[in-house]
Amino acid sequence: MAKGFTEWTFASNVKSWIDQIIHDNPDLPFERAEVERQTPGRTTRSDLKLFDRDGNTVLSGEIRFPDRPGGLTPYGDALVDNAHRKADAEGVEYFFTWNVNRFVLWKTFKPGLPLIERDEEQWPVCEVAAGEQAQQADVEAKIRSFLAEFLRRFARIVAGEETIRARPLDERFIEMIEAAIQIPVLKARVALKERVKKKIYRNLLNEWLKDQGFTPVEKALDENIDRTAHHGVFLSVPEMNQGQPKWLSPHNFRMVAGIGFEPMTEGYGHLWQVLTT
């Protein structure tokens, strides 16, 4: 993988891929993508913009690597606020936030709705723990496939040919949680795979799964690890563990996995606003 692979480099690659998709699909109502065009009167920039055939900006947004500050989740407070502020300043109807793994489409303004409730759709794109992994051929293929799918979907949205389904609160909440824990889950998988090379920890893993009400799958260690990593990290979100029995505690998960996580607070200012308003 090339050294010095930055968010700007990735955005430039995405711009090239989008331009190629538009060239190969002349029925799409878009002209081109553009990277880091300066916002008029400001020093801040939007990472990526999409233009229609009349030269109007129809989409702008920001990209953050998942291992960079503000990139753990596409719902991070600063990431969403910055992308929204730039789109609002230029009168762009839609904006996006993207941490490589997950892409979220937002409506810049909706009467009567706070910002955090304007997320229109979320797309799971890939699973990488660090931005530099976006250079891998298999990851690049997933990103290109997503972009082709998204551009067709977005074209139908802006043309008014398709509406965006209103998601119930619980579905939106789960999507936000899943986005926030994706990187810790990836790290937990790696740690668990190393840990369970010893029989004592394989036994602990199976016991922990049984305590959660799961049945460990014989001869399917990867499945057991995936389930343990996901469920254990989920319980490490402080608000998810309130009032749970002691055996559900993150402490027990840390004993099995041999790892722990700092309190997962990034982005939760917006997340808990959804639950309390």
C-alpha atoms as a PDB file:
ATOM      1  CA  MET A   1       0.000   0.000   0.000  1.00  0.00           C
ATOM      2  CA  ALA A   2       1.205   3.492  -0.849  1.00  0.00           C
ATOM      3  CA  LYS A   3       2.605   5.614   1.955  1.00  0.00           C
ATOM      4  CA  GLY A   4       1.085   9.007   2.673  1.00  0.00           C
ATOM      5  CA  PHE A   5      -2.451   7.848   1.867  1.00  0.00           C
ATOM      6  CA  THR A   6      -4.624  10.612   3.323  1.00  0.00           C
ATOM      7  CA  GLU A   7      -8.294  11.532   3.453  1.00  0.00           C
ATOM      8  CA  TRP A   8      -7.639  13.980   0.631  1.00  0.00           C
ATOM      9  CA  THR A   9      -6.031  11.199  -1.434  1.00  0.00           C
ATOM     10  CA  PHE A  10      -9.020   8.959  -0.808  1.00  0.00           C
ATOM     11  CA  ALA A  11     -11.457  11.759  -1.703  1.00  0.00           C
ATOM     12  CA  SER A  12      -9.524  12.322  -4.935  1.00  0.00           C
ATOM     13  CA  ASN A  13      -9.835   8.626  -5.767  1.00  0.00           C
ATOM     14  CA  VAL A  14     -13.562   8.750  -5.044  1.00  0.00           C
ATOM     15  CA  LYS A  15     -13.899  11.797  -7.311  1.00  0.00           C
ATOM     16  CA  SER A  16     -12.189   9.883 -10.148  1.00  0.00           C
ATOM     17  CA  TRP A  17     -14.400   6.829  -9.635  1.00  0.00           C
ATOM     18  CA  ILE A  18     -17.557   8.954  -9.619  1.00  0.00           C
ATOM     19  CA  ASP A  19     -16.484  10.771 -12.779  1.00  0.00           C
ATOM     20  CA  GLN A  20     -15.864   7.417 -14.476  1.00  0.00           C
ATOM     21  CA  ILE A  21     -19.276   6.094 -13.412  1.00  0.00           C
ATOM     22  CA  ILE A  22     -20.934   9.244 -14.781  1.00  0.00           C
ATOM     23  CA  HIS A  23     -19.004   8.888 -18.052  1.00  0.00           C
ATOM     24  CA  ASP A  24     -20.020   5.234 -18.381  1.00  0.00           C
ATOM     25  CA  ASN A  25     -23.669   5.978 -17.530  1.00  0.00           C
ATOM     26  CA  PRO A  26     -24.762   9.045 -19.548  1.00  0.00           C
ATOM     27  CA  ASP A  27     -28.334   8.648 -18.294  1.00  0.00           C
ATOM     28  CA  LEU A  28     -27.244   9.817 -14.849  1.00  0.00           C
ATOM     29  CA  PRO A  29     -28.212  13.488 -14.316  1.00  0.00           C
ATOM     30  CA  PHE A  30     -24.794  14.445 -12.950  1.00  0.00           C
ATOM     31  CA  GLU A  31     -21.886  16.261 -14.571  1.00  0.00           C
ATOM     32  CA  ARG A  32     -18.909  15.656 -12.300  1.00  0.00           C
ATOM     33  CA  ALA A  33     -17.543  15.400  -8.777  1.00  0.00           C
ATOM     34  CA  GLU A  34     -15.108  17.848  -7.262  1.00  0.00           C
ATOM     35  CA  VAL A  35     -12.725  17.647  -4.301  1.00  0.00           C
ATOM     36  CA  GLU A  36     -12.190  20.341  -1.690  1.00  0.00           C
ATOM     37  CA  ARG A  37     -13.742  23.381  -3.257  1.00  0.00           C
ATOM     38  CA  GLN A  38     -13.437  26.313  -0.875  1.00  0.00           C
ATOM     39  CA  THR A  39     -16.654  27.608   0.656  1.00  0.00           C
ATOM     40  CA  PRO A  40     -17.220  31.244  -0.432  1.00  0.00           C
ATOM     41  CA  GLY A  41     -16.074  33.675   2.249  1.00  0.00           C
ATOM     42  CA  ARG A  42     -14.656  30.906   4.438  1.00  0.00           C
ATOM     43  CA  THR A  43     -11.432  28.992   4.850  1.00  0.00           C
ATOM     44  CA  THR A  44     -13.231  25.730   5.486  1.00  0.00           C
ATOM     45  CA  ARG A  45     -13.771  23.211   2.707  1.00  0.00           C
ATOM     46  CA  SER A  46     -16.153  20.404   1.840  1.00  0.00           C
ATOM     47  CA  ASP A  47     -14.264  17.219   1.062  1.00  0.00           C
ATOM     48  CA  LEU A  48     -16.384  16.218  -1.934  1.00  0.00           C
ATOM     49  CA  LYS A  49     -19.149  17.722  -4.039  1.00  0.00           C
ATOM     50  CA  LEU A  50     -21.429  16.388  -6.760  1.00  0.00           C
ATOM     51  CA  PHE A  51     -22.741  18.644  -9.545  1.00  0.00           C
ATOM     52  CA  ASP A  52     -25.720  18.282 -11.851  1.00  0.00           C
ATOM     53  CA  ARG A  53     -25.606  19.050 -15.574  1.00  0.00           C
ATOM     54  CA  ASP A  54     -26.503  22.702 -14.942  1.00  0.00           C
ATOM     55  CA  GLY A  55     -23.474  23.132 -12.702  1.00  0.00           C
ATOM     56  CA  ASN A  56     -25.480  23.197  -9.479  1.00  0.00           C
ATOM     57  CA  THR A  57     -24.150  21.482  -6.378  1.00  0.00           C
ATOM     58  CA  VAL A  58     -26.635  18.732  -5.510  1.00  0.00           C
ATOM     59  CA  LEU A  59     -24.584  17.029  -2.790  1.00  0.00           C
ATOM     60  CA  SER A  60     -21.655  17.930  -0.552  1.00  0.00           C
ATOM     61  CA  GLY A  61     -20.068  16.201   2.378  1.00  0.00           C
ATOM     62  CA  GLU A  62     -17.109  15.203   4.465  1.00  0.00           C
ATOM     63  CA  ILE A  63     -14.984  12.089   4.634  1.00  0.00           C
ATOM     64  CA  ARG A  64     -13.106  10.960   7.723  1.00  0.00           C
ATOM     65  CA  PHE A  65     -10.982   7.866   8.126  1.00  0.00           C
ATOM     66  CA  PRO A  66     -12.257   5.586  10.905  1.00  0.00           C
ATOM     67  CA  ASP A  67      -8.903   5.746  12.717  1.00  0.00           C
ATOM     68  CA  ARG A  68      -8.743   9.549  12.644  1.00  0.00           C
ATOM     69  CA  PRO A  69     -10.251  11.961  15.187  1.00  0.00           C
ATOM     70  CA  GLY A  70     -13.945  12.347  14.453  1.00  0.00           C
ATOM     71  CA  GLY A  71     -14.080   9.304  12.198  1.00  0.00           C
ATOM     72  CA  LEU A  72     -15.196   6.526  14.519  1.00  0.00           C
ATOM     73  CA  THR A  73     -18.776   6.939  13.322  1.00  0.00           C
ATOM     74  CA  PRO A  74     -20.420   8.938  10.494  1.00  0.00           C
ATOM     75  CA  TYR A  75     -22.787  10.213  13.184  1.00  0.00           C
ATOM     76  CA  GLY A  76     -20.002  11.946  15.135  1.00  0.00           C
ATOM     77  CA  ASP A  77     -21.122  15.340  16.418  1.00  0.00           C
ATOM     78  CA  ALA A  78     -18.323  17.423  14.885  1.00  0.00           C
ATOM     79  CA  LEU A  79     -18.413  15.599  11.547  1.00  0.00           C
ATOM     80  CA  VAL A  80     -22.169  16.007  11.127  1.00  0.00           C
ATOM     81  CA  ASP A  81     -22.183  19.621  12.328  1.00  0.00           C
ATOM     82  CA  ASN A  82     -19.341  20.646  10.018  1.00  0.00           C
ATOM     83  CA  ALA A  83     -20.767  18.935   6.943  1.00  0.00           C
ATOM     84  CA  HIS A  84     -24.195  20.417   7.631  1.00  0.00           C
ATOM     85  CA  ARG A  85     -22.863  23.921   8.209  1.00  0.00           C
ATOM     86  CA  LYS A  86     -21.028  23.927   4.876  1.00  0.00           C
ATOM     87  CA  ALA A  87     -24.009  22.544   2.943  1.00  0.00           C
ATOM     88  CA  ASP A  88     -26.351  25.034   4.609  1.00  0.00           C
ATOM     89  CA  ALA A  89     -24.029  27.964   3.825  1.00  0.00           C
ATOM     90  CA  GLU A  90     -24.145  27.098   0.114  1.00  0.00           C
ATOM     91  CA  GLY A  91     -27.801  26.116  -0.060  1.00  0.00           C
ATOM     92  CA  VAL A  92     -27.106  22.474  -0.923  1.00  0.00           C
ATOM     93  CA  GLU A  93     -30.208  20.347  -0.336  1.00  0.00           C
ATOM     94  CA  TYR A  94     -28.401  17.143   0.649  1.00  0.00           C
ATOM     95  CA  PHE A  95     -25.126  16.399   2.374  1.00  0.00           C
ATOM     96  CA  PHE A  96     -23.293  13.275   3.479  1.00  0.00           C
ATOM     97  CA  THR A  97     -20.934  12.043   6.163  1.00  0.00           C
ATOM     98  CA  TRP A  98     -18.710   9.052   5.423  1.00  0.00           C
ATOM     99  CA  ASN A  99     -16.088   7.255   7.516  1.00  0.00           C
ATOM    100  CA  VAL A 100     -15.246   4.844   4.647  1.00  0.00           C
ATOM    101  CA  ASN A 101     -17.136   2.018   6.378  1.00  0.00           C
ATOM    102  CA  ARG A 102     -20.553   3.665   6.427  1.00  0.00           C
ATOM    103  CA  PHE A 103     -22.070   6.433   4.327  1.00  0.00           C
ATOM    104  CA  VAL A 104     -24.987   8.524   5.619  1.00  0.00           C
ATOM    105  CA  LEU A 105     -27.142  10.766   3.424  1.00  0.00           C
ATOM    106  CA  TRP A 106     -28.696  13.753   5.198  1.00  0.00           C
ATOM    107  CA  LYS A 107     -31.266  16.397   4.312  1.00  0.00           C
ATOM    108  CA  THR A 108     -29.794  19.824   4.999  1.00  0.00           C
ATOM    109  CA  PHE A 109     -33.101  21.306   6.155  1.00  0.00           C
ATOM    110  CA  LYS A 110     -36.406  19.823   7.205  1.00  0.00           C
ATOM    111  CA  PRO A 111     -39.019  22.049   8.859  1.00  0.00           C
ATOM    112  CA  GLY A 112     -39.628  21.088  12.474  1.00  0.00           C
ATOM    113  CA  LEU A 113     -36.900  18.436  12.639  1.00  0.00           C
ATOM    114  CA  PRO A 114     -33.605  18.758  14.541  1.00  0.00           C
ATOM    115  CA  LEU A 115     -30.446  17.987  12.606  1.00  0.00           C
ATOM    116  CA  ILE A 116     -29.920  14.504  14.026  1.00  0.00           C
ATOM    117  CA  GLU A 117     -33.329  13.407  12.731  1.00  0.00           C
ATOM    118  CA  ARG A 118     -32.547  14.426   9.154  1.00  0.00           C
ATOM    119  CA  ASP A 119     -30.459  11.350   8.312  1.00  0.00           C
ATOM    120  CA  GLU A 120     -32.210   9.939   5.273  1.00  0.00           C
ATOM    121  CA  GLU A 121     -30.415   6.666   4.533  1.00  0.00           C
ATOM    122  CA  GLN A 122     -27.332   4.792   5.639  1.00  0.00           C
ATOM    123  CA  TRP A 123     -25.234   2.452   3.482  1.00  0.00           C
ATOM    124  CA  PRO A 124     -22.782  -0.083   4.915  1.00  0.00           C
ATOM    125  CA  VAL A 125     -19.854   0.056   2.473  1.00  0.00           C
ATOM    126  CA  CYS A 126     -16.977  -1.996   3.864  1.00  0.00           C
ATOM    127  CA  GLU A 127     -15.140  -2.921   7.062  1.00  0.00           C
ATOM    128  CA  VAL A 128     -11.726  -1.367   7.620  1.00  0.00           C
ATOM    129  CA  ALA A 129     -10.040  -0.424  10.889  1.00  0.00           C
ATOM    130  CA  ALA A 130      -7.764   2.177   9.260  1.00  0.00           C
ATOM    131  CA  GLY A 131      -8.110   4.477   6.288  1.00  0.00           C
ATOM    132  CA  GLU A 132      -5.029   3.119   4.523  1.00  0.00           C
ATOM    133  CA  GLN A 133      -6.869  -0.198   4.099  1.00  0.00           C
ATOM    134  CA  ALA A 134      -9.119   1.537   1.557  1.00  0.00           C
ATOM    135  CA  GLN A 135      -6.251   0.987  -0.898  1.00  0.00           C
ATOM    136  CA  GLN A 136      -6.747  -2.792  -0.823  1.00  0.00           C
ATOM    137  CA  ALA A 137      -8.160  -4.181  -4.059  1.00  0.00           C
ATOM    138  CA  ASP A 138     -11.112  -5.940  -2.428  1.00  0.00           C
ATOM    139  CA  VAL A 139     -12.036  -2.841  -0.416  1.00  0.00           C
ATOM    140  CA  GLU A 140     -11.722  -0.594  -3.468  1.00  0.00           C
ATOM    141  CA  ALA A 141     -14.041  -2.927  -5.385  1.00  0.00           C
ATOM    142  CA  LYS A 142     -16.677  -2.641  -2.637  1.00  0.00           C
ATOM    143  CA  ILE A 143     -16.403   1.147  -2.620  1.00  0.00           C
ATOM    144  CA  ARG A 144     -16.743   1.382  -6.402  1.00  0.00           C
ATOM    145  CA  SER A 145     -19.783  -0.906  -6.309  1.00  0.00           C
ATOM    146  CA  PHE A 146     -21.359   1.213  -3.585  1.00  0.00           C
ATOM    147  CA  LEU A 147     -20.752   4.444  -5.497  1.00  0.00           C
ATOM    148  CA  ALA A 148     -22.456   3.069  -8.606  1.00  0.00           C
ATOM    149  CA  GLU A 149     -25.440   1.941  -6.511  1.00  0.00           C
ATOM    150  CA  PHE A 150     -25.613   5.225  -4.595  1.00  0.00           C
ATOM    151  CA  LEU A 151     -25.470   7.452  -7.693  1.00  0.00           C
ATOM    152  CA  ARG A 152     -28.405   5.618  -9.257  1.00  0.00           C
ATOM    153  CA  ARG A 153     -30.394   5.789  -6.032  1.00  0.00           C
ATOM    154  CA  PHE A 154     -29.561   9.460  -5.470  1.00  0.00           C
ATOM    155  CA  ALA A 155     -30.476  10.302  -9.062  1.00  0.00           C
ATOM    156  CA  ARG A 156     -33.950   8.881  -8.490  1.00  0.00           C
ATOM    157  CA  ILE A 157     -34.268  10.781  -5.209  1.00  0.00           C
ATOM    158  CA  VAL A 158     -33.383  14.204  -6.637  1.00  0.00           C
ATOM    159  CA  ALA A 159     -35.639  13.554  -9.644  1.00  0.00           C
ATOM    160  CA  GLY A 160     -38.543  12.819  -7.304  1.00  0.00           C
ATOM    161  CA  GLU A 161     -38.931   9.333  -8.759  1.00  0.00           C
ATOM    162  CA  GLU A 162     -38.385   7.627  -5.402  1.00  0.00           C
ATOM    163  CA  THR A 163     -39.197   8.667  -1.884  1.00  0.00           C
ATOM    164  CA  ILE A 164     -37.081   7.942   1.169  1.00  0.00           C
ATOM    165  CA  ARG A 165     -38.776   5.634   3.619  1.00  0.00           C
ATOM    166  CA  ALA A 166     -39.350   7.118   7.066  1.00  0.00           C
ATOM    167  CA  ARG A 167     -37.538   4.805   9.486  1.00  0.00           C
ATOM    168  CA  PRO A 168     -38.971   4.204  12.948  1.00  0.00           C
ATOM    169  CA  LEU A 169     -36.982   5.490  15.916  1.00  0.00           C
ATOM    170  CA  ASP A 170     -35.775   2.061  17.046  1.00  0.00           C
ATOM    171  CA  GLU A 171     -34.409   1.253  13.578  1.00  0.00           C
ATOM    172  CA  ARG A 172     -32.545   4.559  13.383  1.00  0.00           C
ATOM    173  CA  PHE A 173     -31.167   4.039  16.872  1.00  0.00           C
ATOM    174  CA  ILE A 174     -29.814   0.584  16.043  1.00  0.00           C
ATOM    175  CA  GLU A 175     -28.193   1.924  12.851  1.00  0.00           C
ATOM    176  CA  MET A 176     -26.449   4.632  14.874  1.00  0.00           C
ATOM    177  CA  ILE A 177     -25.245   2.150  17.487  1.00  0.00           C
ATOM    178  CA  GLU A 178     -23.986  -0.283  14.834  1.00  0.00           C
ATOM    179  CA  ALA A 179     -22.054   2.519  13.137  1.00  0.00           C
ATOM    180  CA  ALA A 180     -20.508   3.634  16.423  1.00  0.00           C
ATOM    181  CA  ILE A 181     -19.310   0.189  17.524  1.00  0.00           C
ATOM    182  CA  GLN A 182     -18.019  -1.068  14.165  1.00  0.00           C
ATOM    183  CA  ILE A 183     -14.347  -0.197  14.774  1.00  0.00           C
ATOM    184  CA  PRO A 184     -14.254  -1.504  18.375  1.00  0.00           C
ATOM    185  CA  VAL A 185     -15.869  -4.729  17.118  1.00  0.00           C
ATOM    186  CA  LEU A 186     -13.174  -5.127  14.455  1.00  0.00           C
ATOM    187  CA  LYS A 187     -10.477  -4.615  17.102  1.00  0.00           C
ATOM    188  CA  ALA A 188     -12.195  -7.040  19.470  1.00  0.00           C
ATOM    189  CA  ARG A 189     -12.249  -9.726  16.771  1.00  0.00           C
ATOM    190  CA  VAL A 190      -8.502  -9.408  16.253  1.00  0.00           C
ATOM    191  CA  ALA A 191      -7.820  -9.569  19.997  1.00  0.00           C
ATOM    192  CA  LEU A 192     -10.133 -12.536  20.508  1.00  0.00           C
ATOM    193  CA  LYS A 193      -8.616 -14.525  17.652  1.00  0.00           C
ATOM    194  CA  GLU A 194      -5.224 -14.186  19.296  1.00  0.00           C
ATOM    195  CA  ARG A 195      -6.585 -14.857  22.792  1.00  0.00           C
ATOM    196  CA  VAL A 196      -8.467 -18.079  21.988  1.00  0.00           C
ATOM    197  CA  LYS A 197      -5.362 -19.810  20.686  1.00  0.00           C
ATOM    198  CA  LYS A 198      -5.165 -20.962  24.308  1.00  0.00           C
ATOM    199  CA  LYS A 199      -7.739 -23.523  25.365  1.00  0.00           C
ATOM    200  CA  ILE A 200      -8.531 -21.780  28.657  1.00  0.00           C
ATOM    201  CA  TYR A 201      -9.781 -18.733  26.751  1.00  0.00           C
ATOM    202  CA  ARG A 202     -11.712 -20.789  24.228  1.00  0.00           C
ATOM    203  CA  ASN A 203     -13.552 -22.287  27.204  1.00  0.00           C
ATOM    204  CA  LEU A 204     -14.116 -18.832  28.697  1.00  0.00           C
ATOM    205  CA  LEU A 205     -15.465 -17.597  25.389  1.00  0.00           C
ATOM    206  CA  ASN A 206     -17.960 -20.467  25.207  1.00  0.00           C
ATOM    207  CA  GLU A 207     -19.063 -19.900  28.794  1.00  0.00           C
ATOM    208  CA  TRP A 208     -19.512 -16.197  28.162  1.00  0.00           C
ATOM    209  CA  LEU A 209     -21.660 -16.912  25.115  1.00  0.00           C
ATOM    210  CA  LYS A 210     -23.807 -19.325  27.140  1.00  0.00           C
ATOM    211  CA  ASP A 211     -24.257 -16.646  29.805  1.00  0.00           C
ATOM    212  CA  GLN A 212     -25.617 -14.327  27.133  1.00  0.00           C
ATOM    213  CA  GLY A 213     -28.152 -16.937  26.101  1.00  0.00           C
ATOM    214  CA  PHE A 214     -26.300 -18.002  22.939  1.00  0.00           C
ATOM    215  CA  THR A 215     -25.365 -21.539  21.989  1.00  0.00           C
ATOM    216  CA  PRO A 216     -21.694 -21.745  20.952  1.00  0.00           C
ATOM    217  CA  VAL A 217     -21.375 -23.291  17.508  1.00  0.00           C
ATOM    218  CA  GLU A 218     -19.092 -26.319  17.594  1.00  0.00           C
ATOM    219  CA  LYS A 219     -16.304 -26.244  14.999  1.00  0.00           C
ATOM    220  CA  ALA A 220     -17.232 -22.655  14.076  1.00  0.00           C
ATOM    221  CA  LEU A 221     -14.779 -20.617  16.122  1.00  0.00           C
ATOM    222  CA  ASP A 222     -14.929 -17.568  13.829  1.00  0.00           C
ATOM    223  CA  GLU A 223     -18.700 -17.380  14.248  1.00  0.00           C
ATOM    224  CA  ASN A 224     -18.340 -17.596  18.028  1.00  0.00           C
ATOM    225  CA  ILE A 225     -15.686 -14.868  17.956  1.00  0.00           C
ATOM    226  CA  ASP A 226     -17.823 -12.583  15.774  1.00  0.00           C
ATOM    227  CA  ARG A 227     -20.810 -12.986  18.060  1.00  0.00           C
ATOM    228  CA  THR A 228     -18.736 -12.416  21.184  1.00  0.00           C
ATOM    229  CA  ALA A 229     -16.975  -9.354  19.775  1.00  0.00           C
ATOM    230  CA  HIS A 230     -20.209  -7.717  18.629  1.00  0.00           C
ATOM    231  CA  HIS A 231     -22.244  -8.443  21.744  1.00  0.00           C
ATOM    232  CA  GLY A 232     -19.396  -7.654  24.128  1.00  0.00           C
ATOM    233  CA  VAL A 233     -18.625  -4.287  22.563  1.00  0.00           C
ATOM    234  CA  PHE A 234     -22.332  -3.455  22.419  1.00  0.00           C
ATOM    235  CA  LEU A 235     -22.494  -3.947  26.188  1.00  0.00           C
ATOM    236  CA  SER A 236     -19.497  -1.657  26.607  1.00  0.00           C
ATOM    237  CA  VAL A 237     -21.655   1.298  25.603  1.00  0.00           C
ATOM    238  CA  PRO A 238     -22.407   2.686  29.088  1.00  0.00           C
ATOM    239  CA  GLU A 239     -26.111   3.299  28.539  1.00  0.00           C
ATOM    240  CA  MET A 240     -26.606  -0.222  27.169  1.00  0.00           C
ATOM    241  CA  ASN A 241     -25.553  -1.819  30.450  1.00  0.00           C
ATOM    242  CA  GLN A 242     -27.766   0.058  32.870  1.00  0.00           C
ATOM    243  CA  GLY A 243     -29.675  -2.338  35.125  1.00  0.00           C
ATOM    244  CA  GLN A 244     -28.279  -5.469  33.470  1.00  0.00           C
ATOM    245  CA  PRO A 245     -27.367  -8.559  35.522  1.00  0.00           C
ATOM    246  CA  LYS A 246     -23.757  -8.717  36.701  1.00  0.00           C
ATOM    247  CA  TRP A 247     -22.856 -11.481  34.256  1.00  0.00           C
ATOM    248  CA  LEU A 248     -23.698  -9.128  31.383  1.00  0.00           C
ATOM    249  CA  SER A 249     -21.088  -6.629  32.480  1.00  0.00           C
ATOM    250  CA  PRO A 250     -18.332  -5.302  30.207  1.00  0.00           C
ATOM    251  CA  HIS A 251     -15.886  -6.415  32.927  1.00  0.00           C
ATOM    252  CA  ASN A 252     -16.676 -10.044  32.169  1.00  0.00           C
ATOM    253  CA  PHE A 253     -16.226  -9.410  28.467  1.00  0.00           C
ATOM    254  CA  ARG A 254     -12.821  -7.837  29.103  1.00  0.00           C
ATOM    255  CA  MET A 255     -11.820 -10.915  31.078  1.00  0.00           C
ATOM    256  CA  VAL A 256     -12.662 -13.136  28.099  1.00  0.00           C
ATOM    257  CA  ALA A 257     -11.269 -10.889  25.379  1.00  0.00           C
ATOM    258  CA  GLY A 258      -8.252  -9.670  27.294  1.00  0.00           C
ATOM    259  CA  ILE A 259      -8.979  -6.126  26.138  1.00  0.00           C
ATOM    260  CA  GLY A 260     -10.978  -3.131  27.249  1.00  0.00           C
ATOM    261  CA  PHE A 261     -12.235   0.046  25.658  1.00  0.00           C
ATOM    262  CA  GLU A 262     -12.364   3.617  26.772  1.00  0.00           C
ATOM    263  CA  PRO A 263     -15.920   4.854  27.390  1.00  0.00           C
ATOM    264  CA  MET A 264     -17.521   5.105  23.968  1.00  0.00           C
ATOM    265  CA  THR A 265     -18.738   8.699  23.973  1.00  0.00           C
ATOM    266  CA  GLU A 266     -17.788  10.016  20.519  1.00  0.00           C
ATOM    267  CA  GLY A 267     -20.898  11.077  18.675  1.00  0.00           C
ATOM    268  CA  TYR A 268     -23.279  10.228  21.473  1.00  0.00           C
ATOM    269  CA  GLY A 269     -24.358  13.810  22.079  1.00  0.00           C
ATOM    270  CA  HIS A 270     -26.515  13.489  18.964  1.00  0.00           C
ATOM    271  CA  LEU A 271     -27.339   9.840  19.578  1.00  0.00           C
ATOM    272  CA  TRP A 272     -28.904  10.306  22.970  1.00  0.00           C
ATOM    273  CA  GLN A 273     -30.742  13.384  21.768  1.00  0.00           C
ATOM    274  CA  VAL A 274     -32.757  11.000  19.585  1.00  0.00           C
ATOM    275  CA  LEU A 275     -33.841   9.052  22.661  1.00  0.00           C
ATOM    276  CA  THR A 276     -34.666  11.998  24.867  1.00  0.00           C
ATOM    277  CA  THR A 277     -36.595  14.257  22.526  1.00  0.00           C
END
